[in-house]
Amino acid sequence: MTHRQIDDNKLKRLTSDLESVYTETVKGRTCVIIGHSMGGAIGVHLAKNVPASGLVVVDVVEGTALEALPAMEALLRGRPEQFKNKKHAIEWAVKYVIIPTYII
């Protein structure tokens, strides 16, 4: 497997994870997907798979963003396979600074 194939698989996994969260949270409605940097790359891929009323991508250079993935590997390996409920998922995300506390 080439380095690019590995990066593509990671992007697919992150997109799939976000699609699950989007589907559970949005529940058939639409919303605007907003992504910055790596989040922008994931947002572009997510927008292909879910109903969205818009897409905002800020400062994304997909190749550069993908290069940042190795730094996220430990975090992703530590992620639970499944969360007990939404509250548990949010608590985990805040603990590991996936969601800044000022958003909650």
PDB file of N, CA and C in Angstrom:
ATOM      1  N   MET A   1       0.848  -1.171   0.000  1.00  0.00           N
ATOM      2  CA  MET A   1       0.000   0.000   0.000  1.00  0.00           C
ATOM      3  C   MET A   1       0.894   1.235   0.000  1.00  0.00           C
ATOM      4  N   THR A   2       0.579   2.192  -0.864  1.00  0.00           N
ATOM      5  CA  THR A   2       1.386   3.402  -0.956  1.00  0.00           C
ATOM      6  C   THR A   2       1.011   4.384   0.151  1.00  0.00           C
ATOM      7  N   HIS A   3       1.896   5.361   0.351  1.00  0.00           N
ATOM      8  CA  HIS A   3       1.647   6.396   1.357  1.00  0.00           C
ATOM      9  C   HIS A   3       0.344   7.127   1.043  1.00  0.00           C
ATOM     10  N   ARG A   4       0.096   7.405  -0.241  1.00  0.00           N
ATOM     11  CA  ARG A   4      -1.129   8.109  -0.644  1.00  0.00           C
ATOM     12  C   ARG A   4      -2.367   7.258  -0.346  1.00  0.00           C
ATOM     13  N   GLN A   5      -2.277   5.933  -0.557  1.00  0.00           N
ATOM     14  CA  GLN A   5      -3.417   5.053  -0.266  1.00  0.00           C
ATOM     15  C   GLN A   5      -3.717   5.041   1.237  1.00  0.00           C
ATOM     16  N   ILE A   6      -2.672   5.055   2.044  1.00  0.00           N
ATOM     17  CA  ILE A   6      -2.860   5.090   3.498  1.00  0.00           C
ATOM     18  C   ILE A   6      -3.551   6.396   3.898  1.00  0.00           C
ATOM     19  N   ASP A   7      -3.077   7.537   3.339  1.00  0.00           N
ATOM     20  CA  ASP A   7      -3.705   8.830   3.620  1.00  0.00           C
ATOM     21  C   ASP A   7      -5.160   8.844   3.179  1.00  0.00           C
ATOM     22  N   ASP A   8      -5.448   8.281   2.009  1.00  0.00           N
ATOM     23  CA  ASP A   8      -6.826   8.223   1.511  1.00  0.00           C
ATOM     24  C   ASP A   8      -7.704   7.406   2.451  1.00  0.00           C
ATOM     25  N   ASN A   9      -7.172   6.303   2.976  1.00  0.00           N
ATOM     26  CA  ASN A   9      -7.942   5.475   3.912  1.00  0.00           C
ATOM     27  C   ASN A   9      -8.233   6.232   5.205  1.00  0.00           C
ATOM     28  N   LYS A  10      -7.273   6.997   5.694  1.00  0.00           N
ATOM     29  CA  LYS A  10      -7.480   7.794   6.912  1.00  0.00           C
ATOM     30  C   LYS A  10      -8.544   8.859   6.673  1.00  0.00           C
ATOM     31  N   LEU A  11      -8.481   9.523   5.515  1.00  0.00           N
ATOM     32  CA  LEU A  11      -9.471  10.538   5.190  1.00  0.00           C
ATOM     33  C   LEU A  11     -10.860   9.909   5.084  1.00  0.00           C
ATOM     34  N   LYS A  12     -10.944   8.732   4.493  1.00  0.00           N
ATOM     35  CA  LYS A  12     -12.234   8.033   4.390  1.00  0.00           C
ATOM     36  C   LYS A  12     -12.769   7.705   5.781  1.00  0.00           C
ATOM     37  N   ARG A  13     -11.899   7.272   6.691  1.00  0.00           N
ATOM     38  CA  ARG A  13     -12.325   6.926   8.058  1.00  0.00           C
ATOM     39  C   ARG A  13     -12.823   8.154   8.807  1.00  0.00           C
ATOM     40  N   LEU A  14     -12.072   9.253   8.711  1.00  0.00           N
ATOM     41  CA  LEU A  14     -12.487  10.484   9.383  1.00  0.00           C
ATOM     42  C   LEU A  14     -13.805  11.003   8.805  1.00  0.00           C
ATOM     43  N   THR A  15     -13.942  10.918   7.487  1.00  0.00           N
ATOM     44  CA  THR A  15     -15.181  11.350   6.840  1.00  0.00           C
ATOM     45  C   THR A  15     -16.344  10.472   7.286  1.00  0.00           C
ATOM     46  N   SER A  16     -16.113   9.169   7.341  1.00  0.00           N
ATOM     47  CA  SER A  16     -17.154   8.236   7.777  1.00  0.00           C
ATOM     48  C   SER A  16     -17.571   8.520   9.222  1.00  0.00           C
ATOM     49  N   ASP A  17     -16.589   8.775  10.087  1.00  0.00           N
ATOM     50  CA  ASP A  17     -16.890   9.097  11.484  1.00  0.00           C
ATOM     51  C   ASP A  17     -17.742  10.361  11.576  1.00  0.00           C
ATOM     52  N   LEU A  18     -17.350  11.395  10.837  1.00  0.00           N
ATOM     53  CA  LEU A  18     -18.095  12.643  10.873  1.00  0.00           C
ATOM     54  C   LEU A  18     -19.492  12.483  10.267  1.00  0.00           C
ATOM     55  N   GLU A  19     -19.598  11.649   9.242  1.00  0.00           N
ATOM     56  CA  GLU A  19     -20.912  11.392   8.649  1.00  0.00           C
ATOM     57  C   GLU A  19     -21.857  10.769   9.679  1.00  0.00           C
ATOM     58  N   SER A  20     -21.345   9.876  10.499  1.00  0.00           N
ATOM     59  CA  SER A  20     -22.168   9.263  11.550  1.00  0.00           C
ATOM     60  C   SER A  20     -22.649  10.308  12.546  1.00  0.00           C
ATOM     61  N   VAL A  21     -21.745  11.190  12.960  1.00  0.00           N
ATOM     62  CA  VAL A  21     -22.112  12.254  13.900  1.00  0.00           C
ATOM     63  C   VAL A  21     -23.119  13.198  13.252  1.00  0.00           C
ATOM     64  N   TYR A  22     -22.874  13.576  12.007  1.00  0.00           N
ATOM     65  CA  TYR A  22     -23.768  14.478  11.272  1.00  0.00           C
ATOM     66  C   TYR A  22     -25.166  13.878  11.180  1.00  0.00           C
ATOM     67  N   THR A  23     -25.234  12.634  10.758  1.00  0.00           N
ATOM     68  CA  THR A  23     -26.525  11.972  10.576  1.00  0.00           C
ATOM     69  C   THR A  23     -27.304  11.907  11.884  1.00  0.00           C
ATOM     70  N   GLU A  24     -26.619  11.586  12.963  1.00  0.00           N
ATOM     71  CA  GLU A  24     -27.273  11.482  14.270  1.00  0.00           C
ATOM     72  C   GLU A  24     -27.702  12.854  14.793  1.00  0.00           C
ATOM     73  N   THR A  25     -26.907  13.849  14.539  1.00  0.00           N
ATOM     74  CA  THR A  25     -27.172  15.181  15.070  1.00  0.00           C
ATOM     75  C   THR A  25     -28.199  15.945  14.225  1.00  0.00           C
ATOM     76  N   VAL A  26     -28.049  15.896  12.929  1.00  0.00           N
ATOM     77  CA  VAL A  26     -28.897  16.687  12.029  1.00  0.00           C
ATOM     78  C   VAL A  26     -30.261  16.030  11.822  1.00  0.00           C
ATOM     79  N   LYS A  27     -30.304  14.706  11.872  1.00  0.00           N
ATOM     80  CA  LYS A  27     -31.554  13.932  11.808  1.00  0.00           C
ATOM     81  C   LYS A  27     -32.487  14.354  10.671  1.00  0.00           C
ATOM     82  N   GLY A  28     -31.987  14.292   9.434  1.00  0.00           N
ATOM     83  CA  GLY A  28     -32.829  14.529   8.267  1.00  0.00           C
ATOM     84  C   GLY A  28     -32.949  15.980   7.836  1.00  0.00           C
ATOM     85  N   ARG A  29     -32.555  16.903   8.695  1.00  0.00           N
ATOM     86  CA  ARG A  29     -32.565  18.321   8.301  1.00  0.00           C
ATOM     87  C   ARG A  29     -31.297  18.586   7.490  1.00  0.00           C
ATOM     88  N   THR A  30     -31.106  19.795   7.076  1.00  0.00           N
ATOM     89  CA  THR A  30     -29.846  20.153   6.440  1.00  0.00           C
ATOM     90  C   THR A  30     -29.189  21.260   7.243  1.00  0.00           C
ATOM     91  N   CYS A  31     -27.908  21.416   7.057  1.00  0.00           N
ATOM     92  CA  CYS A  31     -27.191  22.510   7.684  1.00  0.00           C
ATOM     93  C   CYS A  31     -25.992  22.854   6.815  1.00  0.00           C
ATOM     94  N   VAL A  32     -25.324  23.911   7.161  1.00  0.00           N
ATOM     95  CA  VAL A  32     -24.121  24.312   6.453  1.00  0.00           C
ATOM     96  C   VAL A  32     -22.941  23.598   7.099  1.00  0.00           C
ATOM     97  N   ILE A  33     -22.120  22.969   6.281  1.00  0.00           N
ATOM     98  CA  ILE A  33     -20.900  22.316   6.769  1.00  0.00           C
ATOM     99  C   ILE A  33     -19.778  23.335   6.664  1.00  0.00           C
ATOM    100  N   ILE A  34     -19.074  23.547   7.774  1.00  0.00           N
ATOM    101  CA  ILE A  34     -17.968  24.500   7.807  1.00  0.00           C
ATOM    102  C   ILE A  34     -16.721  23.760   8.263  1.00  0.00           C
ATOM    103  N   GLY A  35     -15.646  23.890   7.512  1.00  0.00           N
ATOM    104  CA  GLY A  35     -14.408  23.213   7.891  1.00  0.00           C
ATOM    105  C   GLY A  35     -13.196  24.091   7.663  1.00  0.00           C
ATOM    106  N   HIS A  36     -12.241  23.976   8.553  1.00  0.00           N
ATOM    107  CA  HIS A  36     -10.980  24.711   8.452  1.00  0.00           C
ATOM    108  C   HIS A  36      -9.828  23.722   8.355  1.00  0.00           C
ATOM    109  N   SER A  37      -8.921  23.951   7.442  1.00  0.00           N
ATOM    110  CA  SER A  37      -7.719  23.144   7.281  1.00  0.00           C
ATOM    111  C   SER A  37      -8.110  21.686   7.025  1.00  0.00           C
ATOM    112  N   MET A  38      -7.679  20.787   7.874  1.00  0.00           N
ATOM    113  CA  MET A  38      -8.025  19.369   7.689  1.00  0.00           C
ATOM    114  C   MET A  38      -9.536  19.175   7.749  1.00  0.00           C
ATOM    115  N   GLY A  39     -10.205  19.935   8.606  1.00  0.00           N
ATOM    116  CA  GLY A  39     -11.660  19.870   8.686  1.00  0.00           C
ATOM    117  C   GLY A  39     -12.320  20.281   7.383  1.00  0.00           C
ATOM    118  N   GLY A  40     -11.681  21.180   6.655  1.00  0.00           N
ATOM    119  CA  GLY A  40     -12.191  21.575   5.345  1.00  0.00           C
ATOM    120  C   GLY A  40     -12.108  20.439   4.347  1.00  0.00           C
ATOM    121  N   ALA A  41     -10.976  19.720   4.368  1.00  0.00           N
ATOM    122  CA  ALA A  41     -10.825  18.567   3.479  1.00  0.00           C
ATOM    123  C   ALA A  41     -11.879  17.508   3.796  1.00  0.00           C
ATOM    124  N   ILE A  42     -12.092  17.260   5.076  1.00  0.00           N
ATOM    125  CA  ILE A  42     -13.100  16.278   5.488  1.00  0.00           C
ATOM    126  C   ILE A  42     -14.493  16.786   5.117  1.00  0.00           C
ATOM    127  N   GLY A  43     -14.748  18.085   5.317  1.00  0.00           N
ATOM    128  CA  GLY A  43     -16.042  18.668   4.984  1.00  0.00           C
ATOM    129  C   GLY A  43     -16.395  18.523   3.513  1.00  0.00           C
ATOM    130  N   VAL A  44     -15.402  18.698   2.648  1.00  0.00           N
ATOM    131  CA  VAL A  44     -15.634  18.534   1.210  1.00  0.00           C
ATOM    132  C   VAL A  44     -16.089  17.113   0.907  1.00  0.00           C
ATOM    133  N   HIS A  45     -15.419  16.143   1.502  1.00  0.00           N
ATOM    134  CA  HIS A  45     -15.793  14.741   1.280  1.00  0.00           C
ATOM    135  C   HIS A  45     -17.143  14.422   1.925  1.00  0.00           C
ATOM    136  N   LEU A  46     -17.408  14.997   3.104  1.00  0.00           N
ATOM    137  CA  LEU A  46     -18.676  14.781   3.783  1.00  0.00           C
ATOM    138  C   LEU A  46     -19.839  15.324   2.953  1.00  0.00           C
ATOM    139  N   ALA A  47     -19.649  16.492   2.355  1.00  0.00           N
ATOM    140  CA  ALA A  47     -20.722  17.139   1.592  1.00  0.00           C
ATOM    141  C   ALA A  47     -21.179  16.295   0.405  1.00  0.00           C
ATOM    142  N   LYS A  48     -20.340  15.386  -0.058  1.00  0.00           N
ATOM    143  CA  LYS A  48     -20.732  14.489  -1.152  1.00  0.00           C
ATOM    144  C   LYS A  48     -21.732  13.433  -0.679  1.00  0.00           C
ATOM    145  N   ASN A  49     -21.753  13.170   0.636  1.00  0.00           N
ATOM    146  CA  ASN A  49     -22.511  12.030   1.171  1.00  0.00           C
ATOM    147  C   ASN A  49     -23.754  12.388   1.975  1.00  0.00           C
ATOM    148  N   VAL A  50     -23.902  13.658   2.356  1.00  0.00           N
ATOM    149  CA  VAL A  50     -25.023  14.026   3.230  1.00  0.00           C
ATOM    150  C   VAL A  50     -25.766  15.229   2.654  1.00  0.00           C
ATOM    151  N   PRO A  51     -27.037  15.401   3.045  1.00  0.00           N
ATOM    152  CA  PRO A  51     -27.749  16.595   2.603  1.00  0.00           C
ATOM    153  C   PRO A  51     -27.219  17.811   3.366  1.00  0.00           C
ATOM    154  N   ALA A  52     -26.757  18.805   2.644  1.00  0.00           N
ATOM    155  CA  ALA A  52     -26.247  20.020   3.275  1.00  0.00           C
ATOM    156  C   ALA A  52     -26.755  21.216   2.485  1.00  0.00           C
ATOM    157  N   SER A  53     -27.065  22.284   3.187  1.00  0.00           N
ATOM    158  CA  SER A  53     -27.541  23.480   2.503  1.00  0.00           C
ATOM    159  C   SER A  53     -26.392  24.367   2.048  1.00  0.00           C
ATOM    160  N   GLY A  54     -25.192  24.049   2.494  1.00  0.00           N
ATOM    161  CA  GLY A  54     -24.027  24.812   2.065  1.00  0.00           C
ATOM    162  C   GLY A  54     -22.743  24.199   2.585  1.00  0.00           C
ATOM    163  N   LEU A  55     -21.629  24.673   2.033  1.00  0.00           N
ATOM    164  CA  LEU A  55     -20.306  24.191   2.433  1.00  0.00           C
ATOM    165  C   LEU A  55     -19.366  25.387   2.467  1.00  0.00           C
ATOM    166  N   VAL A  56     -18.698  25.594   3.595  1.00  0.00           N
ATOM    167  CA  VAL A  56     -17.703  26.651   3.740  1.00  0.00           C
ATOM    168  C   VAL A  56     -16.380  25.974   4.065  1.00  0.00           C
ATOM    169  N   VAL A  57     -15.378  26.244   3.247  1.00  0.00           N
ATOM    170  CA  VAL A  57     -14.053  25.664   3.455  1.00  0.00           C
ATOM    171  C   VAL A  57     -13.070  26.821   3.613  1.00  0.00           C
ATOM    172  N   VAL A  58     -12.363  26.829   4.739  1.00  0.00           N
ATOM    173  CA  VAL A  58     -11.441  27.913   5.054  1.00  0.00           C
ATOM    174  C   VAL A  58     -10.024  27.367   5.147  1.00  0.00           C
ATOM    175  N   ASP A  59      -9.122  27.974   4.379  1.00  0.00           N
ATOM    176  CA  ASP A  59      -7.690  27.689   4.501  1.00  0.00           C
ATOM    177  C   ASP A  59      -7.377  26.202   4.433  1.00  0.00           C
ATOM    178  N   VAL A  60      -7.819  25.563   3.372  1.00  0.00           N
ATOM    179  CA  VAL A  60      -7.548  24.132   3.235  1.00  0.00           C
ATOM    180  C   VAL A  60      -6.561  23.897   2.099  1.00  0.00           C
ATOM    181  N   VAL A  61      -5.541  23.175   2.410  1.00  0.00           N
ATOM    182  CA  VAL A  61      -4.617  22.645   1.421  1.00  0.00           C
ATOM    183  C   VAL A  61      -4.581  21.161   1.732  1.00  0.00           C
ATOM    184  N   GLU A  62      -5.363  20.397   0.992  1.00  0.00           N
ATOM    185  CA  GLU A  62      -5.603  19.010   1.378  1.00  0.00           C
ATOM    186  C   GLU A  62      -4.317  18.226   1.586  1.00  0.00           C
ATOM    187  N   GLY A  63      -3.352  18.370   0.717  1.00  0.00           N
ATOM    188  CA  GLY A  63      -2.102  17.638   0.886  1.00  0.00           C
ATOM    189  C   GLY A  63      -1.422  17.965   2.201  1.00  0.00           C
ATOM    190  N   THR A  64      -1.372  19.244   2.539  1.00  0.00           N
ATOM    191  CA  THR A  64      -0.762  19.676   3.797  1.00  0.00           C
ATOM    192  C   THR A  64      -1.569  19.166   4.981  1.00  0.00           C
ATOM    193  N   ALA A  65      -2.871  19.246   4.858  1.00  0.00           N
ATOM    194  CA  ALA A  65      -3.727  18.766   5.942  1.00  0.00           C
ATOM    195  C   ALA A  65      -3.533  17.271   6.147  1.00  0.00           C
ATOM    196  N   LEU A  66      -3.429  16.541   5.061  1.00  0.00           N
ATOM    197  CA  LEU A  66      -3.238  15.092   5.185  1.00  0.00           C
ATOM    198  C   LEU A  66      -1.898  14.749   5.830  1.00  0.00           C
ATOM    199  N   GLU A  67      -0.908  15.601   5.619  1.00  0.00           N
ATOM    200  CA  GLU A  67       0.391  15.368   6.245  1.00  0.00           C
ATOM    201  C   GLU A  67       0.304  15.467   7.760  1.00  0.00           C
ATOM    202  N   ALA A  68      -0.708  16.166   8.268  1.00  0.00           N
ATOM    203  CA  ALA A  68      -0.879  16.310   9.713  1.00  0.00           C
ATOM    204  C   ALA A  68      -1.496  15.072  10.346  1.00  0.00           C
ATOM    205  N   LEU A  69      -1.993  14.157   9.532  1.00  0.00           N
ATOM    206  CA  LEU A  69      -2.666  12.982  10.078  1.00  0.00           C
ATOM    207  C   LEU A  69      -1.807  12.131  11.011  1.00  0.00           C
ATOM    208  N   PRO A  70      -0.520  11.927  10.740  1.00  0.00           N
ATOM    209  CA  PRO A  70       0.258  11.095  11.671  1.00  0.00           C
ATOM    210  C   PRO A  70       0.204  11.601  13.113  1.00  0.00           C
ATOM    211  N   ALA A  71       0.127  12.908  13.303  1.00  0.00           N
ATOM    212  CA  ALA A  71       0.055  13.458  14.663  1.00  0.00           C
ATOM    213  C   ALA A  71      -1.265  13.104  15.335  1.00  0.00           C
ATOM    214  N   MET A  72      -2.273  12.779  14.544  1.00  0.00           N
ATOM    215  CA  MET A  72      -3.583  12.463  15.103  1.00  0.00           C
ATOM    216  C   MET A  72      -3.749  10.970  15.384  1.00  0.00           C
ATOM    217  N   GLU A  73      -2.809  10.160  14.930  1.00  0.00           N
ATOM    218  CA  GLU A  73      -2.976   8.711  15.059  1.00  0.00           C
ATOM    219  C   GLU A  73      -3.165   8.251  16.498  1.00  0.00           C
ATOM    220  N   ALA A  74      -2.369   8.767  17.419  1.00  0.00           N
ATOM    221  CA  ALA A  74      -2.493   8.358  18.826  1.00  0.00           C
ATOM    222  C   ALA A  74      -3.874   8.723  19.369  1.00  0.00           C
ATOM    223  N   LEU A  75      -4.346   9.905  19.002  1.00  0.00           N
ATOM    224  CA  LEU A  75      -5.672  10.332  19.438  1.00  0.00           C
ATOM    225  C   LEU A  75      -6.747   9.394  18.879  1.00  0.00           C
ATOM    226  N   LEU A  76      -6.640   9.065  17.610  1.00  0.00           N
ATOM    227  CA  LEU A  76      -7.635   8.190  16.992  1.00  0.00           C
ATOM    228  C   LEU A  76      -7.577   6.775  17.565  1.00  0.00           C
ATOM    229  N   ARG A  77      -6.379   6.300  17.869  1.00  0.00           N
ATOM    230  CA  ARG A  77      -6.258   4.969  18.465  1.00  0.00           C
ATOM    231  C   ARG A  77      -6.885   4.926  19.850  1.00  0.00           C
ATOM    232  N   GLY A  78      -6.864   6.066  20.554  1.00  0.00           N
ATOM    233  CA  GLY A  78      -7.425   6.129  21.894  1.00  0.00           C
ATOM    234  C   GLY A  78      -8.922   6.373  21.924  1.00  0.00           C
ATOM    235  N   ARG A  79      -9.491   6.602  20.757  1.00  0.00           N
ATOM    236  CA  ARG A  79     -10.932   6.879  20.680  1.00  0.00           C
ATOM    237  C   ARG A  79     -11.720   5.604  20.939  1.00  0.00           C
ATOM    238  N   PRO A  80     -12.757   5.686  21.743  1.00  0.00           N
ATOM    239  CA  PRO A  80     -13.585   4.498  21.970  1.00  0.00           C
ATOM    240  C   PRO A  80     -14.222   4.017  20.662  1.00  0.00           C
ATOM    241  N   GLU A  81     -14.434   2.737  20.546  1.00  0.00           N
ATOM    242  CA  GLU A  81     -15.105   2.186  19.366  1.00  0.00           C
ATOM    243  C   GLU A  81     -16.535   2.693  19.271  1.00  0.00           C
ATOM    244  N   GLN A  82     -17.136   2.931  20.434  1.00  0.00           N
ATOM    245  CA  GLN A  82     -18.525   3.366  20.479  1.00  0.00           C
ATOM    246  C   GLN A  82     -18.720   4.202  21.732  1.00  0.00           C
ATOM    247  N   PHE A  83     -19.596   5.191  21.652  1.00  0.00           N
ATOM    248  CA  PHE A  83     -19.914   6.003  22.810  1.00  0.00           C
ATOM    249  C   PHE A  83     -21.242   5.540  23.383  1.00  0.00           C
ATOM    250  N   LYS A  84     -21.382   5.629  24.717  1.00  0.00           N
ATOM    251  CA  LYS A  84     -22.614   5.202  25.385  1.00  0.00           C
ATOM    252  C   LYS A  84     -23.801   6.061  24.971  1.00  0.00           C
ATOM    253  N   ASN A  85     -23.531   7.359  24.770  1.00  0.00           N
ATOM    254  CA  ASN A  85     -24.579   8.302  24.401  1.00  0.00           C
ATOM    255  C   ASN A  85     -23.916   9.589  23.916  1.00  0.00           C
ATOM    256  N   LYS A  86     -24.727  10.567  23.515  1.00  0.00           N
ATOM    257  CA  LYS A  86     -24.182  11.833  23.017  1.00  0.00           C
ATOM    258  C   LYS A  86     -23.352  12.536  24.081  1.00  0.00           C
ATOM    259  N   LYS A  87     -23.833  12.517  25.323  1.00  0.00           N
ATOM    260  CA  LYS A  87     -23.118  13.194  26.405  1.00  0.00           C
ATOM    261  C   LYS A  87     -21.711  12.603  26.562  1.00  0.00           C
ATOM    262  N   HIS A  88     -21.603  11.304  26.514  1.00  0.00           N
ATOM    263  CA  HIS A  88     -20.303  10.640  26.623  1.00  0.00           C
ATOM    264  C   HIS A  88     -19.384  11.061  25.475  1.00  0.00           C
ATOM    265  N   ALA A  89     -19.919  11.148  24.258  1.00  0.00           N
ATOM    266  CA  ALA A  89     -19.127  11.553  23.093  1.00  0.00           C
ATOM    267  C   ALA A  89     -18.627  12.989  23.252  1.00  0.00           C
ATOM    268  N   ILE A  90     -19.493  13.874  23.714  1.00  0.00           N
ATOM    269  CA  ILE A  90     -19.109  15.271  23.898  1.00  0.00           C
ATOM    270  C   ILE A  90     -18.066  15.398  24.999  1.00  0.00           C
ATOM    271  N   GLU A  91     -18.264  14.686  26.114  1.00  0.00           N
ATOM    272  CA  GLU A  91     -17.281  14.730  27.206  1.00  0.00           C
ATOM    273  C   GLU A  91     -15.917  14.257  26.726  1.00  0.00           C
ATOM    274  N   TRP A  92     -15.890  13.197  25.912  1.00  0.00           N
ATOM    275  CA  TRP A  92     -14.618  12.694  25.381  1.00  0.00           C
ATOM    276  C   TRP A  92     -13.990  13.737  24.464  1.00  0.00           C
ATOM    277  N   ALA A  93     -14.795  14.345  23.596  1.00  0.00           N
ATOM    278  CA  ALA A  93     -14.274  15.334  22.654  1.00  0.00           C
ATOM    279  C   ALA A  93     -13.710  16.554  23.379  1.00  0.00           C
ATOM    280  N   VAL A  94     -14.373  17.006  24.435  1.00  0.00           N
ATOM    281  CA  VAL A  94     -13.885  18.154  25.202  1.00  0.00           C
ATOM    282  C   VAL A  94     -12.607  17.790  25.946  1.00  0.00           C
ATOM    283  N   LYS A  95     -12.575  16.601  26.540  1.00  0.00           N
ATOM    284  CA  LYS A  95     -11.385  16.154  27.287  1.00  0.00           C
ATOM    285  C   LYS A  95     -10.148  16.138  26.399  1.00  0.00           C
ATOM    286  N   TYR A  96     -10.314  15.712  25.162  1.00  0.00           N
ATOM    287  CA  TYR A  96      -9.174  15.610  24.250  1.00  0.00           C
ATOM    288  C   TYR A  96      -9.089  16.796  23.300  1.00  0.00           C
ATOM    289  N   VAL A  97      -9.786  17.898  23.634  1.00  0.00           N
ATOM    290  CA  VAL A  97      -9.755  19.164  22.904  1.00  0.00           C
ATOM    291  C   VAL A  97     -10.123  18.996  21.430  1.00  0.00           C
ATOM    292  N   ILE A  98     -11.040  18.089  21.154  1.00  0.00           N
ATOM    293  CA  ILE A  98     -11.573  17.974  19.809  1.00  0.00           C
ATOM    294  C   ILE A  98     -12.598  19.086  19.616  1.00  0.00           C
ATOM    295  N   ILE A  99     -13.327  19.408  20.683  1.00  0.00           N
ATOM    296  CA  ILE A  99     -14.301  20.492  20.672  1.00  0.00           C
ATOM    297  C   ILE A  99     -13.856  21.478  21.750  1.00  0.00           C
ATOM    298  N   PRO A 100     -13.531  22.715  21.369  1.00  0.00           N
ATOM    299  CA  PRO A 100     -13.159  23.692  22.396  1.00  0.00           C
ATOM    300  C   PRO A 100     -14.311  23.913  23.364  1.00  0.00           C
ATOM    301  N   THR A 101     -14.007  24.088  24.627  1.00  0.00           N
ATOM    302  CA  THR A 101     -15.059  24.215  25.640  1.00  0.00           C
ATOM    303  C   THR A 101     -15.905  25.457  25.442  1.00  0.00           C
ATOM    304  N   TYR A 102     -15.422  26.481  24.760  1.00  0.00           N
ATOM    305  CA  TYR A 102     -16.237  27.678  24.567  1.00  0.00           C
ATOM    306  C   TYR A 102     -17.376  27.432  23.585  1.00  0.00           C
ATOM    307  N   ILE A 103     -17.336  26.357  22.814  1.00  0.00           N
ATOM    308  CA  ILE A 103     -18.426  26.047  21.875  1.00  0.00           C
ATOM    309  C   ILE A 103     -19.595  25.412  22.623  1.00  0.00           C
ATOM    310  N   ILE A 104     -19.321  24.692  23.691  1.00  0.00           N
ATOM    311  CA  ILE A 104     -20.361  23.919  24.373  1.00  0.00           C
ATOM    312  C   ILE A 104     -21.200  24.745  25.290  1.00  0.00           C
TER     313      ILE A 104
END
